[in-house]
């Protein structure tokens, strides 16, 4: 799926919540803590990592492409 970025960046856990990959902010944080989230192919453990345009986030079969 594609996500249109309206600001300079979005925090990772908020992106998962907004796109529906996680049902809540708490679930999004849990997915990140447990190592289920990849950022550009690398596991990302920072819940508030600043995701910018051009990045690709993967959670299981869900792929989010962030665009400006």
PDB file of N, CA and C in Angstrom:
ATOM      1  N   UNK A   1       0.841  -1.181   0.000  1.00  0.00           N
ATOM      2  CA  UNK A   1       0.000   0.000   0.000  1.00  0.00           C
ATOM      3  C   UNK A   1       0.882   1.239   0.000  1.00  0.00           C
ATOM      4  N   UNK A   2       0.328   2.302  -0.462  1.00  0.00           N
ATOM      5  CA  UNK A   2       1.071   3.563  -0.488  1.00  0.00           C
ATOM      6  C   UNK A   2       0.495   4.496   0.575  1.00  0.00           C
ATOM      7  N   UNK A   3       1.384   5.267   1.197  1.00  0.00           N
ATOM      8  CA  UNK A   3       0.959   6.235   2.199  1.00  0.00           C
ATOM      9  C   UNK A   3       1.480   7.604   1.796  1.00  0.00           C
ATOM     10  N   UNK A   4       0.570   8.565   1.658  1.00  0.00           N
ATOM     11  CA  UNK A   4       0.922   9.940   1.276  1.00  0.00           C
ATOM     12  C   UNK A   4       1.301  10.732   2.514  1.00  0.00           C
ATOM     13  N   UNK A   5       2.544  11.159   2.590  1.00  0.00           N
ATOM     14  CA  UNK A   5       3.066  11.909   3.725  1.00  0.00           C
ATOM     15  C   UNK A   5       2.649  13.375   3.604  1.00  0.00           C
ATOM     16  N   UNK A   6       2.014  13.906   4.662  1.00  0.00           N
ATOM     17  CA  UNK A   6       1.561  15.299   4.628  1.00  0.00           C
ATOM     18  C   UNK A   6       2.504  16.231   5.379  1.00  0.00           C
ATOM     19  N   UNK A   7       3.338  15.680   6.238  1.00  0.00           N
ATOM     20  CA  UNK A   7       4.314  16.455   7.005  1.00  0.00           C
ATOM     21  C   UNK A   7       5.708  16.077   6.500  1.00  0.00           C
ATOM     22  N   UNK A   8       6.736  16.544   7.205  1.00  0.00           N
ATOM     23  CA  UNK A   8       8.119  16.207   6.844  1.00  0.00           C
ATOM     24  C   UNK A   8       8.393  14.728   7.130  1.00  0.00           C
ATOM     25  N   UNK A   9       7.778  14.201   8.206  1.00  0.00           N
ATOM     26  CA  UNK A   9       7.963  12.804   8.601  1.00  0.00           C
ATOM     27  C   UNK A   9       6.767  12.352   9.421  1.00  0.00           C
ATOM     28  N   UNK A  10       6.698  11.039   9.676  1.00  0.00           N
ATOM     29  CA  UNK A  10       5.693  10.484  10.586  1.00  0.00           C
ATOM     30  C   UNK A  10       6.413   9.467  11.466  1.00  0.00           C
ATOM     31  N   UNK A  11       6.036   9.421  12.747  1.00  0.00           N
ATOM     32  CA  UNK A  11       6.647   8.454  13.651  1.00  0.00           C
ATOM     33  C   UNK A  11       6.145   7.061  13.284  1.00  0.00           C
ATOM     34  N   UNK A  12       7.023   6.072  13.393  1.00  0.00           N
ATOM     35  CA  UNK A  12       6.732   4.717  12.944  1.00  0.00           C
ATOM     36  C   UNK A  12       5.455   4.143  13.543  1.00  0.00           C
ATOM     37  N   UNK A  13       5.279   4.234  14.855  1.00  0.00           N
ATOM     38  CA  UNK A  13       4.092   3.622  15.453  1.00  0.00           C
ATOM     39  C   UNK A  13       2.807   4.292  14.965  1.00  0.00           C
ATOM     40  N   UNK A  14       2.865   5.605  14.689  1.00  0.00           N
ATOM     41  CA  UNK A  14       1.689   6.321  14.175  1.00  0.00           C
ATOM     42  C   UNK A  14       1.365   5.861  12.754  1.00  0.00           C
ATOM     43  N   UNK A  15       2.395   5.617  11.959  1.00  0.00           N
ATOM     44  CA  UNK A  15       2.194   5.140  10.584  1.00  0.00           C
ATOM     45  C   UNK A  15       1.472   3.794  10.588  1.00  0.00           C
ATOM     46  N   UNK A  16       1.886   2.889  11.461  1.00  0.00           N
ATOM     47  CA  UNK A  16       1.251   1.567  11.539  1.00  0.00           C
ATOM     48  C   UNK A  16      -0.210   1.681  11.949  1.00  0.00           C
ATOM     49  N   UNK A  17      -0.491   2.609  12.853  1.00  0.00           N
ATOM     50  CA  UNK A  17      -1.866   2.806  13.316  1.00  0.00           C
ATOM     51  C   UNK A  17      -2.729   3.435  12.213  1.00  0.00           C
ATOM     52  N   UNK A  18      -2.243   4.493  11.584  1.00  0.00           N
ATOM     53  CA  UNK A  18      -3.005   5.209  10.552  1.00  0.00           C
ATOM     54  C   UNK A  18      -3.314   4.321   9.348  1.00  0.00           C
ATOM     55  N   UNK A  19      -2.367   3.471   8.966  1.00  0.00           N
ATOM     56  CA  UNK A  19      -2.563   2.617   7.781  1.00  0.00           C
ATOM     57  C   UNK A  19      -3.379   1.370   8.092  1.00  0.00           C
ATOM     58  N   UNK A  20      -3.677   1.136   9.377  1.00  0.00           N
ATOM     59  CA  UNK A  20      -4.492  -0.018   9.745  1.00  0.00           C
ATOM     60  C   UNK A  20      -3.706  -1.303   9.916  1.00  0.00           C
ATOM     61  N   UNK A  21      -2.385  -1.235   9.808  1.00  0.00           N
ATOM     62  CA  UNK A  21      -1.555  -2.427  10.030  1.00  0.00           C
ATOM     63  C   UNK A  21      -1.694  -2.858  11.494  1.00  0.00           C
ATOM     64  N   UNK A  22      -1.814  -1.876  12.385  1.00  0.00           N
ATOM     65  CA  UNK A  22      -2.061  -2.139  13.806  1.00  0.00           C
ATOM     66  C   UNK A  22      -3.404  -1.524  14.181  1.00  0.00           C
ATOM     67  N   UNK A  23      -4.131  -2.195  15.053  1.00  0.00           N
ATOM     68  CA  UNK A  23      -5.452  -1.707  15.473  1.00  0.00           C
ATOM     69  C   UNK A  23      -5.366  -0.503  16.400  1.00  0.00           C
ATOM     70  N   UNK A  24      -4.233  -0.383  17.104  1.00  0.00           N
ATOM     71  CA  UNK A  24      -4.080   0.709  18.070  1.00  0.00           C
ATOM     72  C   UNK A  24      -2.615   1.103  18.165  1.00  0.00           C
ATOM     73  N   UNK A  25      -2.373   2.228  18.824  1.00  0.00           N
ATOM     74  CA  UNK A  25      -1.001   2.656  19.054  1.00  0.00           C
ATOM     75  C   UNK A  25      -0.246   1.650  19.910  1.00  0.00           C
ATOM     76  N   UNK A  26      -0.947   1.081  20.899  1.00  0.00           N
ATOM     77  CA  UNK A  26      -0.319   0.095  21.789  1.00  0.00           C
ATOM     78  C   UNK A  26       0.091  -1.159  21.008  1.00  0.00           C
ATOM     79  N   UNK A  27      -0.780  -1.602  20.108  1.00  0.00           N
ATOM     80  CA  UNK A  27      -0.440  -2.782  19.305  1.00  0.00           C
ATOM     81  C   UNK A  27       0.724  -2.463  18.370  1.00  0.00           C
ATOM     82  N   UNK A  28       0.743  -1.269  17.805  1.00  0.00           N
ATOM     83  CA  UNK A  28       1.834  -0.862  16.917  1.00  0.00           C
ATOM     84  C   UNK A  28       3.163  -0.892  17.669  1.00  0.00           C
ATOM     85  N   UNK A  29       3.170  -0.353  18.891  1.00  0.00           N
ATOM     86  CA  UNK A  29       4.388  -0.340  19.704  1.00  0.00           C
ATOM     87  C   UNK A  29       4.847  -1.755  20.024  1.00  0.00           C
ATOM     88  N   UNK A  30       3.900  -2.649  20.288  1.00  0.00           N
ATOM     89  CA  UNK A  30       4.232  -4.037  20.600  1.00  0.00           C
ATOM     90  C   UNK A  30       4.867  -4.729  19.377  1.00  0.00           C
ATOM     91  N   UNK A  31       4.298  -4.500  18.196  1.00  0.00           N
ATOM     92  CA  UNK A  31       4.854  -5.086  16.976  1.00  0.00           C
ATOM     93  C   UNK A  31       6.307  -4.637  16.778  1.00  0.00           C
ATOM     94  N   UNK A  32       6.561  -3.361  17.035  1.00  0.00           N
ATOM     95  CA  UNK A  32       7.905  -2.802  16.868  1.00  0.00           C
ATOM     96  C   UNK A  32       8.855  -3.397  17.910  1.00  0.00           C
ATOM     97  N   UNK A  33       8.434  -3.412  19.178  1.00  0.00           N
ATOM     98  CA  UNK A  33       9.261  -3.941  20.265  1.00  0.00           C
ATOM     99  C   UNK A  33       9.662  -5.389  20.021  1.00  0.00           C
ATOM    100  N   UNK A  34       8.730  -6.170  19.455  1.00  0.00           N
ATOM    101  CA  UNK A  34       8.972  -7.601  19.257  1.00  0.00           C
ATOM    102  C   UNK A  34       9.736  -7.903  17.970  1.00  0.00           C
ATOM    103  N   UNK A  35      10.134  -6.859  17.229  1.00  0.00           N
ATOM    104  CA  UNK A  35      10.966  -7.058  16.049  1.00  0.00           C
ATOM    105  C   UNK A  35      10.239  -7.498  14.791  1.00  0.00           C
ATOM    106  N   UNK A  36       8.943  -7.210  14.710  1.00  0.00           N
ATOM    107  CA  UNK A  36       8.146  -7.613  13.546  1.00  0.00           C
ATOM    108  C   UNK A  36       8.151  -6.575  12.422  1.00  0.00           C
ATOM    109  N   UNK A  37       8.791  -5.426  12.656  1.00  0.00           N
ATOM    110  CA  UNK A  37       8.740  -4.324  11.688  1.00  0.00           C
ATOM    111  C   UNK A  37      10.105  -4.102  11.046  1.00  0.00           C
ATOM    112  N   UNK A  38      10.109  -4.067   9.708  1.00  0.00           N
ATOM    113  CA  UNK A  38      11.338  -3.782   8.971  1.00  0.00           C
ATOM    114  C   UNK A  38      11.218  -2.419   8.303  1.00  0.00           C
ATOM    115  N   UNK A  39      12.295  -1.676   8.356  1.00  0.00           N
ATOM    116  CA  UNK A  39      12.382  -0.364   7.704  1.00  0.00           C
ATOM    117  C   UNK A  39      13.482  -0.476   6.668  1.00  0.00           C
ATOM    118  N   UNK A  40      13.109  -0.373   5.405  1.00  0.00           N
ATOM    119  CA  UNK A  40      14.072  -0.496   4.300  1.00  0.00           C
ATOM    120  C   UNK A  40      14.894  -1.778   4.424  1.00  0.00           C
ATOM    121  N   UNK A  41      14.221  -2.880   4.809  1.00  0.00           N
ATOM    122  CA  UNK A  41      14.877  -4.182   4.881  1.00  0.00           C
ATOM    123  C   UNK A  41      15.573  -4.505   6.186  1.00  0.00           C
ATOM    124  N   UNK A  42      15.652  -3.543   7.114  1.00  0.00           N
ATOM    125  CA  UNK A  42      16.327  -3.753   8.402  1.00  0.00           C
ATOM    126  C   UNK A  42      15.286  -3.689   9.527  1.00  0.00           C
ATOM    127  N   UNK A  43      15.424  -4.563  10.516  1.00  0.00           N
ATOM    128  CA  UNK A  43      14.498  -4.538  11.652  1.00  0.00           C
ATOM    129  C   UNK A  43      14.658  -3.215  12.396  1.00  0.00           C
ATOM    130  N   UNK A  44      13.523  -2.577  12.684  1.00  0.00           N
ATOM    131  CA  UNK A  44      13.520  -1.272  13.374  1.00  0.00           C
ATOM    132  C   UNK A  44      12.847  -1.443  14.729  1.00  0.00           C
ATOM    133  N   UNK A  45      13.578  -1.101  15.808  1.00  0.00           N
ATOM    134  CA  UNK A  45      13.052  -1.228  17.164  1.00  0.00           C
ATOM    135  C   UNK A  45      12.637   0.103  17.774  1.00  0.00           C
ATOM    136  N   UNK A  46      12.882   1.218  17.093  1.00  0.00           N
ATOM    137  CA  UNK A  46      12.537   2.529  17.642  1.00  0.00           C
ATOM    138  C   UNK A  46      11.093   2.879  17.286  1.00  0.00           C
ATOM    139  N   UNK A  47      10.247   2.974  18.281  1.00  0.00           N
ATOM    140  CA  UNK A  47       8.819   3.248  18.063  1.00  0.00           C
ATOM    141  C   UNK A  47       8.594   4.606  17.420  1.00  0.00           C
ATOM    142  N   UNK A  48       9.433   5.576  17.785  1.00  0.00           N
ATOM    143  CA  UNK A  48       9.262   6.939  17.292  1.00  0.00           C
ATOM    144  C   UNK A  48      10.241   7.276  16.162  1.00  0.00           C
ATOM    145  N   UNK A  49      10.751   6.251  15.487  1.00  0.00           N
ATOM    146  CA  UNK A  49      11.648   6.489  14.349  1.00  0.00           C
ATOM    147  C   UNK A  49      10.929   7.386  13.350  1.00  0.00           C
ATOM    148  N   UNK A  50      11.639   8.372  12.823  1.00  0.00           N
ATOM    149  CA  UNK A  50      11.043   9.327  11.886  1.00  0.00           C
ATOM    150  C   UNK A  50      11.078   8.740  10.479  1.00  0.00           C
ATOM    151  N   UNK A  51       9.908   8.408   9.969  1.00  0.00           N
ATOM    152  CA  UNK A  51       9.785   7.807   8.641  1.00  0.00           C
ATOM    153  C   UNK A  51       9.550   8.936   7.635  1.00  0.00           C
ATOM    154  N   UNK A  52      10.389   8.979   6.606  1.00  0.00           N
ATOM    155  CA  UNK A  52      10.306  10.036   5.601  1.00  0.00           C
ATOM    156  C   UNK A  52       9.937   9.459   4.237  1.00  0.00           C
ATOM    157  N   UNK A  53       9.678  10.335   3.298  1.00  0.00           N
ATOM    158  CA  UNK A  53       9.313   9.941   1.945  1.00  0.00           C
ATOM    159  C   UNK A  53      10.396   9.045   1.338  1.00  0.00           C
ATOM    160  N   UNK A  54       9.961   8.012   0.618  1.00  0.00           N
ATOM    161  CA  UNK A  54      10.889   7.113  -0.051  1.00  0.00           C
ATOM    162  C   UNK A  54      11.209   5.858   0.737  1.00  0.00           C
ATOM    163  N   UNK A  55      10.747   5.799   1.983  1.00  0.00           N
ATOM    164  CA  UNK A  55      11.045   4.624   2.802  1.00  0.00           C
ATOM    165  C   UNK A  55       9.986   3.545   2.619  1.00  0.00           C
ATOM    166  N   UNK A  56      10.395   2.302   2.897  1.00  0.00           N
ATOM    167  CA  UNK A  56       9.503   1.150   2.774  1.00  0.00           C
ATOM    168  C   UNK A  56       9.453   0.448   4.124  1.00  0.00           C
ATOM    169  N   UNK A  57       8.244   0.248   4.635  1.00  0.00           N
ATOM    170  CA  UNK A  57       8.017  -0.394   5.924  1.00  0.00           C
ATOM    171  C   UNK A  57       7.315  -1.726   5.671  1.00  0.00           C
ATOM    172  N   UNK A  58       7.827  -2.785   6.295  1.00  0.00           N
ATOM    173  CA  UNK A  58       7.228  -4.111   6.134  1.00  0.00           C
ATOM    174  C   UNK A  58       6.850  -4.682   7.494  1.00  0.00           C
ATOM    175  N   UNK A  59       5.625  -5.203   7.568  1.00  0.00           N
ATOM    176  CA  UNK A  59       5.144  -5.900   8.756  1.00  0.00           C
ATOM    177  C   UNK A  59       4.448  -7.153   8.250  1.00  0.00           C
ATOM    178  N   UNK A  60       5.117  -8.289   8.349  1.00  0.00           N
ATOM    179  CA  UNK A  60       4.554  -9.520   7.801  1.00  0.00           C
ATOM    180  C   UNK A  60       4.347  -9.359   6.304  1.00  0.00           C
ATOM    181  N   UNK A  61       3.112  -9.575   5.843  1.00  0.00           N
ATOM    182  CA  UNK A  61       2.796  -9.447   4.414  1.00  0.00           C
ATOM    183  C   UNK A  61       2.446  -8.024   4.014  1.00  0.00           C
ATOM    184  N   UNK A  62       2.287  -7.145   4.991  1.00  0.00           N
ATOM    185  CA  UNK A  62       1.944  -5.745   4.711  1.00  0.00           C
ATOM    186  C   UNK A  62       3.185  -4.937   4.363  1.00  0.00           C
ATOM    187  N   UNK A  63       3.115  -4.230   3.240  1.00  0.00           N
ATOM    188  CA  UNK A  63       4.219  -3.367   2.817  1.00  0.00           C
ATOM    189  C   UNK A  63       3.656  -1.961   2.631  1.00  0.00           C
ATOM    190  N   UNK A  64       4.290  -0.984   3.292  1.00  0.00           N
ATOM    191  CA  UNK A  64       3.852   0.414   3.201  1.00  0.00           C
ATOM    192  C   UNK A  64       4.959   1.191   2.496  1.00  0.00           C
ATOM    193  N   UNK A  65       4.620   1.821   1.384  1.00  0.00           N
ATOM    194  CA  UNK A  65       5.571   2.674   0.676  1.00  0.00           C
ATOM    195  C   UNK A  65       5.189   4.122   0.964  1.00  0.00           C
ATOM    196  N   UNK A  66       6.118   4.844   1.583  1.00  0.00           N
ATOM    197  CA  UNK A  66       5.845   6.220   1.996  1.00  0.00           C
ATOM    198  C   UNK A  66       6.248   7.180   0.888  1.00  0.00           C
ATOM    199  N   UNK A  67       5.293   8.041   0.498  1.00  0.00           N
ATOM    200  CA  UNK A  67       5.522   9.005  -0.588  1.00  0.00           C
ATOM    201  C   UNK A  67       5.239  10.423  -0.102  1.00  0.00           C
ATOM    202  N   UNK A  68       5.846  11.376  -0.770  1.00  0.00           N
ATOM    203  CA  UNK A  68       5.595  12.788  -0.436  1.00  0.00           C
ATOM    204  C   UNK A  68       4.365  13.281  -1.161  1.00  0.00           C
TER     205      UNK A  68
END
